[in-house]
Amino acid sequence: MAFTLFPKLPVEIQTQIWLFSLPGPRIIQLQRNWRLGKSIAKAEPIILLRVCHHSRVVALQVYKVALGAPNAAPLYLDVTRDVVLMDDIYGGDYVQLFEHSGKNPGIQCFAIAPTYPLNVNIGIGDWGAVEHDITNDGLFVIAEVIMGCKSLAEVLVLYPVNKDQEVPDWFERNTLDLLENQLQDAEEMPLITVLPYEAENARAGKCKALRDWMNENLT
């Protein structure tokens, strides 16, 4: 049954209801579509942008347009809480977040999965017996993201592990050392946090690791 009296509520109460209806922190997945030759951004839609004029005005107080190619629907971000996950480190298409909006929207948190198995082909071998390192391309793209996004407060580097394992100390130490070397000219380094995710189901594992981190840090 529709609540027909809602429009008769004071505007201030309507505004508070719309604010309470906004979604929590979201994961924005930026993935390379090799068939189309471009990156595709996937995210939970912001329903309040389409309910009515007032709900849209309220939502736009929180969400900014961060990605919008010609003839495509724009992507809206809460830059203080949404986490952009660049799942294909080789694409380098994070720049699309800024190209069409004309300016840096102020993204504060990026998540990147830049690892590969050492001494084996990607996707082959026993995850429990294989160490992972960060690729040179992956390191370069992380550095480019940091240099291009002056607003970044934190970069989350995702590392695959078996259940109940932890990220090895050498990986975190090497990543920080290599990034500091790459970013000698950077004015300020964001916080670099390495998060483990279950490698057996990589896509779901990455999202779960990010959700756990977001629940602890962004709610």
C-alpha atoms as a PDB file:
ATOM      1  CA  MET A   1       0.000   0.000   0.000  1.00  0.00           C
ATOM      2  CA  ALA A   2       1.391   3.417  -0.975  1.00  0.00           C
ATOM      3  CA  PHE A   3       2.042   6.014   1.710  1.00  0.00           C
ATOM      4  CA  THR A   4       0.095   8.854   0.120  1.00  0.00           C
ATOM      5  CA  LEU A   5       0.690  11.296   2.971  1.00  0.00           C
ATOM      6  CA  PHE A   6       4.471  11.447   2.413  1.00  0.00           C
ATOM      7  CA  PRO A   7       4.320  14.613   0.231  1.00  0.00           C
ATOM      8  CA  LYS A   8       2.447  16.384   3.068  1.00  0.00           C
ATOM      9  CA  LEU A   9       5.272  15.848   5.562  1.00  0.00           C
ATOM     10  CA  PRO A  10       7.487  18.876   6.315  1.00  0.00           C
ATOM     11  CA  VAL A  11      10.347  19.176   3.835  1.00  0.00           C
ATOM     12  CA  GLU A  12      12.900  18.745   6.621  1.00  0.00           C
ATOM     13  CA  ILE A  13      11.418  15.361   7.591  1.00  0.00           C
ATOM     14  CA  GLN A  14      11.230  14.267   3.954  1.00  0.00           C
ATOM     15  CA  THR A  15      14.904  15.179   3.554  1.00  0.00           C
ATOM     16  CA  GLN A  16      15.896  13.137   6.618  1.00  0.00           C
ATOM     17  CA  ILE A  17      13.950  10.137   5.322  1.00  0.00           C
ATOM     18  CA  TRP A  18      15.685  10.353   1.951  1.00  0.00           C
ATOM     19  CA  LEU A  19      19.091  10.630   3.663  1.00  0.00           C
ATOM     20  CA  PHE A  20      18.372   7.538   5.767  1.00  0.00           C
ATOM     21  CA  SER A  21      17.389   5.735   2.548  1.00  0.00           C
ATOM     22  CA  LEU A  22      20.743   6.249   0.848  1.00  0.00           C
ATOM     23  CA  PRO A  23      22.847   3.071   0.470  1.00  0.00           C
ATOM     24  CA  GLY A  24      25.896   2.443   2.610  1.00  0.00           C
ATOM     25  CA  PRO A  25      29.460   2.299   1.260  1.00  0.00           C
ATOM     26  CA  ARG A  26      29.612   0.562  -2.117  1.00  0.00           C
ATOM     27  CA  ILE A  27      32.266  -1.321  -4.071  1.00  0.00           C
ATOM     28  CA  ILE A  28      32.685   0.161  -7.550  1.00  0.00           C
ATOM     29  CA  GLN A  29      34.172  -2.593  -9.735  1.00  0.00           C
ATOM     30  CA  LEU A  30      36.204  -1.319 -12.670  1.00  0.00           C
ATOM     31  CA  GLN A  31      36.877  -4.243 -15.002  1.00  0.00           C
ATOM     32  CA  ARG A  32      38.409  -4.446 -18.455  1.00  0.00           C
ATOM     33  CA  ASN A  33      36.109  -5.709 -21.212  1.00  0.00           C
ATOM     34  CA  TRP A  34      38.578  -6.887 -23.820  1.00  0.00           C
ATOM     35  CA  ARG A  35      35.869  -7.527 -26.415  1.00  0.00           C
ATOM     36  CA  LEU A  36      34.675  -3.914 -26.218  1.00  0.00           C
ATOM     37  CA  GLY A  37      38.171  -2.546 -25.691  1.00  0.00           C
ATOM     38  CA  LYS A  38      37.247  -0.476 -22.662  1.00  0.00           C
ATOM     39  CA  SER A  39      36.591  -0.666 -18.953  1.00  0.00           C
ATOM     40  CA  ILE A  40      33.153  -1.321 -17.530  1.00  0.00           C
ATOM     41  CA  ALA A  41      32.160   0.073 -14.133  1.00  0.00           C
ATOM     42  CA  LYS A  42      29.733  -2.008 -12.087  1.00  0.00           C
ATOM     43  CA  ALA A  43      28.057  -0.675  -8.960  1.00  0.00           C
ATOM     44  CA  GLU A  44      24.850  -0.834  -6.958  1.00  0.00           C
ATOM     45  CA  PRO A  45      22.505   1.805  -8.470  1.00  0.00           C
ATOM     46  CA  ILE A  46      21.468   4.869  -6.498  1.00  0.00           C
ATOM     47  CA  ILE A  47      17.700   4.445  -6.586  1.00  0.00           C
ATOM     48  CA  LEU A  48      16.991   7.852  -5.025  1.00  0.00           C
ATOM     49  CA  LEU A  49      18.404   9.536  -8.110  1.00  0.00           C
ATOM     50  CA  ARG A  50      15.291   8.341  -9.959  1.00  0.00           C
ATOM     51  CA  VAL A  51      12.460   8.429  -7.381  1.00  0.00           C
ATOM     52  CA  CYS A  52      11.506  12.119  -7.569  1.00  0.00           C
ATOM     53  CA  HIS A  53      13.033  15.569  -7.880  1.00  0.00           C
ATOM     54  CA  HIS A  54      13.470  16.021  -4.116  1.00  0.00           C
ATOM     55  CA  SER A  55      15.102  12.614  -3.604  1.00  0.00           C
ATOM     56  CA  ARG A  56      17.481  13.347  -6.494  1.00  0.00           C
ATOM     57  CA  VAL A  57      18.464  16.707  -5.004  1.00  0.00           C
ATOM     58  CA  VAL A  58      19.208  15.014  -1.675  1.00  0.00           C
ATOM     59  CA  ALA A  59      21.211  12.214  -3.312  1.00  0.00           C
ATOM     60  CA  LEU A  60      23.280  14.694  -5.313  1.00  0.00           C
ATOM     61  CA  GLN A  61      24.409  16.279  -2.065  1.00  0.00           C
ATOM     62  CA  VAL A  62      26.287  13.026  -1.420  1.00  0.00           C
ATOM     63  CA  TYR A  63      27.070  11.573  -4.862  1.00  0.00           C
ATOM     64  CA  LYS A  64      29.231  13.098  -7.583  1.00  0.00           C
ATOM     65  CA  VAL A  65      29.537  12.103 -11.229  1.00  0.00           C
ATOM     66  CA  ALA A  66      32.871  10.316 -11.540  1.00  0.00           C
ATOM     67  CA  LEU A  67      32.537   8.427 -14.815  1.00  0.00           C
ATOM     68  CA  GLY A  68      30.385   9.121 -17.816  1.00  0.00           C
ATOM     69  CA  ALA A  69      31.350   8.313 -21.371  1.00  0.00           C
ATOM     70  CA  PRO A  70      29.392   9.780 -24.282  1.00  0.00           C
ATOM     71  CA  ASN A  71      26.085   7.960 -24.821  1.00  0.00           C
ATOM     72  CA  ALA A  72      26.508   6.032 -21.553  1.00  0.00           C
ATOM     73  CA  ALA A  73      24.881   6.386 -18.160  1.00  0.00           C
ATOM     74  CA  PRO A  74      27.067   8.307 -15.703  1.00  0.00           C
ATOM     75  CA  LEU A  75      28.506   6.623 -12.618  1.00  0.00           C
ATOM     76  CA  TYR A  76      27.858   8.388  -9.319  1.00  0.00           C
ATOM     77  CA  LEU A  77      30.201   8.038  -6.329  1.00  0.00           C
ATOM     78  CA  ASP A  78      30.165   8.901  -2.671  1.00  0.00           C
ATOM     79  CA  VAL A  79      33.845   9.779  -2.823  1.00  0.00           C
ATOM     80  CA  THR A  80      34.244   9.668   0.964  1.00  0.00           C
ATOM     81  CA  ARG A  81      32.919   6.108   1.401  1.00  0.00           C
ATOM     82  CA  ASP A  82      32.713   4.209  -1.882  1.00  0.00           C
ATOM     83  CA  VAL A  83      35.752   2.072  -2.749  1.00  0.00           C
ATOM     84  CA  VAL A  84      36.842   1.807  -6.380  1.00  0.00           C
ATOM     85  CA  LEU A  85      38.120  -1.723  -7.098  1.00  0.00           C
ATOM     86  CA  MET A  86      40.336  -1.900 -10.175  1.00  0.00           C
ATOM     87  CA  ASP A  87      40.211  -5.636 -10.794  1.00  0.00           C
ATOM     88  CA  ASP A  88      42.248  -5.700 -13.994  1.00  0.00           C
ATOM     89  CA  ILE A  89      45.595  -4.151 -13.180  1.00  0.00           C
ATOM     90  CA  TYR A  90      46.785  -4.307 -16.781  1.00  0.00           C
ATOM     91  CA  GLY A  91      44.023  -2.171 -18.224  1.00  0.00           C
ATOM     92  CA  GLY A  92      45.175   1.110 -16.747  1.00  0.00           C
ATOM     93  CA  ASP A  93      41.676   2.437 -17.378  1.00  0.00           C
ATOM     94  CA  TYR A  94      41.260   4.173 -14.040  1.00  0.00           C
ATOM     95  CA  VAL A  95      41.822   7.403 -15.984  1.00  0.00           C
ATOM     96  CA  GLN A  96      38.273   7.045 -17.315  1.00  0.00           C
ATOM     97  CA  LEU A  97      37.113   8.053 -13.860  1.00  0.00           C
ATOM     98  CA  PHE A  98      38.287  11.552 -14.679  1.00  0.00           C
ATOM     99  CA  GLU A  99      38.388  11.894 -18.478  1.00  0.00           C
ATOM    100  CA  HIS A 100      34.705  12.582 -19.080  1.00  0.00           C
ATOM    101  CA  SER A 101      33.901  14.448 -15.881  1.00  0.00           C
ATOM    102  CA  GLY A 102      36.672  16.950 -16.617  1.00  0.00           C
ATOM    103  CA  LYS A 103      38.059  16.955 -13.101  1.00  0.00           C
ATOM    104  CA  ASN A 104      39.171  14.716 -10.264  1.00  0.00           C
ATOM    105  CA  PRO A 105      35.986  13.981  -8.274  1.00  0.00           C
ATOM    106  CA  GLY A 106      37.959  13.544  -5.045  1.00  0.00           C
ATOM    107  CA  ILE A 107      38.078   9.753  -4.683  1.00  0.00           C
ATOM    108  CA  GLN A 108      39.601   8.813  -1.337  1.00  0.00           C
ATOM    109  CA  CYS A 109      40.006   5.037  -1.553  1.00  0.00           C
ATOM    110  CA  PHE A 110      41.184   2.723  -4.318  1.00  0.00           C
ATOM    111  CA  ALA A 111      41.499  -1.070  -4.135  1.00  0.00           C
ATOM    112  CA  ILE A 112      43.789  -2.899  -6.560  1.00  0.00           C
ATOM    113  CA  ALA A 113      44.562  -6.591  -7.153  1.00  0.00           C
ATOM    114  CA  PRO A 114      48.025  -6.543  -8.775  1.00  0.00           C
ATOM    115  CA  THR A 115      49.535  -9.935  -7.836  1.00  0.00           C
ATOM    116  CA  TYR A 116      50.483 -12.980  -9.863  1.00  0.00           C
ATOM    117  CA  PRO A 117      51.923 -16.435  -8.991  1.00  0.00           C
ATOM    118  CA  LEU A 118      55.705 -16.574  -8.947  1.00  0.00           C
ATOM    119  CA  ASN A 119      57.340 -19.067 -11.329  1.00  0.00           C
ATOM    120  CA  VAL A 120      54.066 -20.472 -12.679  1.00  0.00           C
ATOM    121  CA  ASN A 121      51.563 -19.454 -15.310  1.00  0.00           C
ATOM    122  CA  ILE A 122      48.638 -17.354 -14.095  1.00  0.00           C
ATOM    123  CA  GLY A 123      45.846 -19.559 -12.815  1.00  0.00           C
ATOM    124  CA  ILE A 124      47.936 -22.747 -12.753  1.00  0.00           C
ATOM    125  CA  GLY A 125      49.322 -24.528  -9.726  1.00  0.00           C
ATOM    126  CA  ASP A 126      48.502 -25.192  -6.117  1.00  0.00           C
ATOM    127  CA  TRP A 127      47.571 -21.893  -4.434  1.00  0.00           C
ATOM    128  CA  GLY A 128      48.930 -23.251  -1.157  1.00  0.00           C
ATOM    129  CA  ALA A 129      52.381 -23.835  -2.626  1.00  0.00           C
ATOM    130  CA  VAL A 130      52.738 -20.705  -4.752  1.00  0.00           C
ATOM    131  CA  GLU A 131      54.010 -17.345  -3.579  1.00  0.00           C
ATOM    132  CA  HIS A 132      52.713 -14.185  -5.196  1.00  0.00           C
ATOM    133  CA  ASP A 133      54.521 -11.042  -6.156  1.00  0.00           C
ATOM    134  CA  ILE A 134      53.474  -7.702  -7.568  1.00  0.00           C
ATOM    135  CA  THR A 135      54.114  -7.196 -11.274  1.00  0.00           C
ATOM    136  CA  ASN A 136      56.066  -4.266 -12.632  1.00  0.00           C
ATOM    137  CA  ASP A 137      52.955  -3.204 -14.565  1.00  0.00           C
ATOM    138  CA  GLY A 138      50.924  -3.471 -11.383  1.00  0.00           C
ATOM    139  CA  LEU A 139      53.395  -1.330  -9.468  1.00  0.00           C
ATOM    140  CA  PHE A 140      53.402   1.282 -12.225  1.00  0.00           C
ATOM    141  CA  VAL A 141      49.604   1.513 -12.292  1.00  0.00           C
ATOM    142  CA  ILE A 142      49.384   1.827  -8.496  1.00  0.00           C
ATOM    143  CA  ALA A 143      51.914   4.665  -8.674  1.00  0.00           C
ATOM    144  CA  GLU A 144      49.957   6.297 -11.506  1.00  0.00           C
ATOM    145  CA  VAL A 145      46.741   6.107  -9.497  1.00  0.00           C
ATOM    146  CA  ILE A 146      48.430   7.748  -6.507  1.00  0.00           C
ATOM    147  CA  MET A 147      49.979  10.497  -8.634  1.00  0.00           C
ATOM    148  CA  GLY A 148      46.732  11.125 -10.529  1.00  0.00           C
ATOM    149  CA  CYS A 149      44.408  11.101  -7.519  1.00  0.00           C
ATOM    150  CA  LYS A 150      45.705  13.734  -5.136  1.00  0.00           C
ATOM    151  CA  SER A 151      42.674  13.196  -2.912  1.00  0.00           C
ATOM    152  CA  LEU A 152      43.522   9.561  -2.101  1.00  0.00           C
ATOM    153  CA  ALA A 153      43.684   8.794   1.597  1.00  0.00           C
ATOM    154  CA  GLU A 154      44.204   5.038   1.301  1.00  0.00           C
ATOM    155  CA  VAL A 155      45.120   2.414  -1.289  1.00  0.00           C
ATOM    156  CA  LEU A 156      44.067  -1.174  -0.580  1.00  0.00           C
ATOM    157  CA  VAL A 157      46.310  -3.789  -2.197  1.00  0.00           C
ATOM    158  CA  LEU A 158      44.572  -7.182  -2.380  1.00  0.00           C
ATOM    159  CA  TYR A 159      46.624 -10.359  -1.928  1.00  0.00           C
ATOM    160  CA  PRO A 160      45.375 -13.951  -2.563  1.00  0.00           C
ATOM    161  CA  VAL A 161      45.732 -16.492   0.258  1.00  0.00           C
ATOM    162  CA  ASN A 162      44.300 -19.847   1.263  1.00  0.00           C
ATOM    163  CA  LYS A 163      41.718 -19.896   4.039  1.00  0.00           C
ATOM    164  CA  ASP A 164      43.060 -18.715   7.420  1.00  0.00           C
ATOM    165  CA  GLN A 165      46.420 -17.684   5.933  1.00  0.00           C
ATOM    166  CA  GLU A 166      47.866 -14.192   6.231  1.00  0.00           C
ATOM    167  CA  VAL A 167      49.725 -11.933   3.840  1.00  0.00           C
ATOM    168  CA  PRO A 168      53.469 -12.697   4.073  1.00  0.00           C
ATOM    169  CA  ASP A 169      55.582  -9.949   5.612  1.00  0.00           C
ATOM    170  CA  TRP A 170      57.918  -9.870   2.624  1.00  0.00           C
ATOM    171  CA  PHE A 171      55.094  -8.914   0.232  1.00  0.00           C
ATOM    172  CA  GLU A 172      53.905  -5.952   2.267  1.00  0.00           C
ATOM    173  CA  ARG A 173      57.456  -4.794   2.929  1.00  0.00           C
ATOM    174  CA  ASN A 174      58.509  -5.092  -0.731  1.00  0.00           C
ATOM    175  CA  THR A 175      55.367  -3.328  -1.964  1.00  0.00           C
ATOM    176  CA  LEU A 176      55.917  -0.358   0.337  1.00  0.00           C
ATOM    177  CA  ASP A 177      59.626  -0.118  -0.535  1.00  0.00           C
ATOM    178  CA  LEU A 178      59.008  -0.282  -4.278  1.00  0.00           C
ATOM    179  CA  LEU A 179      56.207   2.280  -4.148  1.00  0.00           C
ATOM    180  CA  GLU A 180      58.305   4.707  -2.129  1.00  0.00           C
ATOM    181  CA  ASN A 181      60.994   4.374  -4.780  1.00  0.00           C
ATOM    182  CA  GLN A 182      58.460   4.969  -7.582  1.00  0.00           C
ATOM    183  CA  LEU A 183      56.898   7.949  -5.808  1.00  0.00           C
ATOM    184  CA  GLN A 184      59.920   9.929  -4.728  1.00  0.00           C
ATOM    185  CA  ASP A 185      58.452  13.073  -6.281  1.00  0.00           C
ATOM    186  CA  ALA A 186      54.997  12.648  -4.755  1.00  0.00           C
ATOM    187  CA  GLU A 187      53.966  15.413  -2.364  1.00  0.00           C
ATOM    188  CA  GLU A 188      52.296  12.980   0.020  1.00  0.00           C
ATOM    189  CA  MET A 189      51.805   9.224   0.118  1.00  0.00           C
ATOM    190  CA  PRO A 190      48.386   7.783   0.970  1.00  0.00           C
ATOM    191  CA  LEU A 191      48.178   4.980   3.482  1.00  0.00           C
ATOM    192  CA  ILE A 192      48.939   1.621   1.820  1.00  0.00           C
ATOM    193  CA  THR A 193      47.013  -1.308   3.312  1.00  0.00           C
ATOM    194  CA  VAL A 194      47.444  -4.903   2.160  1.00  0.00           C
ATOM    195  CA  LEU A 195      44.299  -7.056   2.519  1.00  0.00           C
ATOM    196  CA  PRO A 196      44.181 -10.856   2.136  1.00  0.00           C
ATOM    197  CA  TYR A 197      41.363 -12.472   0.181  1.00  0.00           C
ATOM    198  CA  GLU A 198      40.500 -16.132  -0.369  1.00  0.00           C
ATOM    199  CA  ALA A 199      42.000 -17.193  -3.687  1.00  0.00           C
ATOM    200  CA  GLU A 200      39.758 -20.205  -4.253  1.00  0.00           C
ATOM    201  CA  ASN A 201      36.893 -17.947  -5.348  1.00  0.00           C
ATOM    202  CA  ALA A 202      38.800 -14.836  -6.274  1.00  0.00           C
ATOM    203  CA  ARG A 203      35.977 -12.497  -7.318  1.00  0.00           C
ATOM    204  CA  ALA A 204      33.815 -13.213  -4.277  1.00  0.00           C
ATOM    205  CA  GLY A 205      36.904 -13.283  -2.066  1.00  0.00           C
ATOM    206  CA  LYS A 206      37.965  -9.796  -3.096  1.00  0.00           C
ATOM    207  CA  CYS A 207      34.512  -8.353  -2.446  1.00  0.00           C
ATOM    208  CA  LYS A 208      34.279 -10.086   0.945  1.00  0.00           C
ATOM    209  CA  ALA A 209      37.683  -8.759   1.994  1.00  0.00           C
ATOM    210  CA  LEU A 210      36.665  -5.245   0.983  1.00  0.00           C
ATOM    211  CA  ARG A 211      33.261  -5.528   2.691  1.00  0.00           C
ATOM    212  CA  ASP A 212      34.920  -6.621   5.944  1.00  0.00           C
ATOM    213  CA  TRP A 213      37.347  -3.689   5.738  1.00  0.00           C
ATOM    214  CA  MET A 214      34.537  -1.240   4.897  1.00  0.00           C
ATOM    215  CA  ASN A 215      32.411  -2.461   7.805  1.00  0.00           C
ATOM    216  CA  GLU A 216      35.294  -1.764  10.168  1.00  0.00           C
ATOM    217  CA  ASN A 217      36.426   1.558   8.712  1.00  0.00           C
ATOM    218  CA  LEU A 218      33.610   3.272   6.783  1.00  0.00           C
ATOM    219  CA  THR A 219      30.344   2.713   8.685  1.00  0.00           C
END
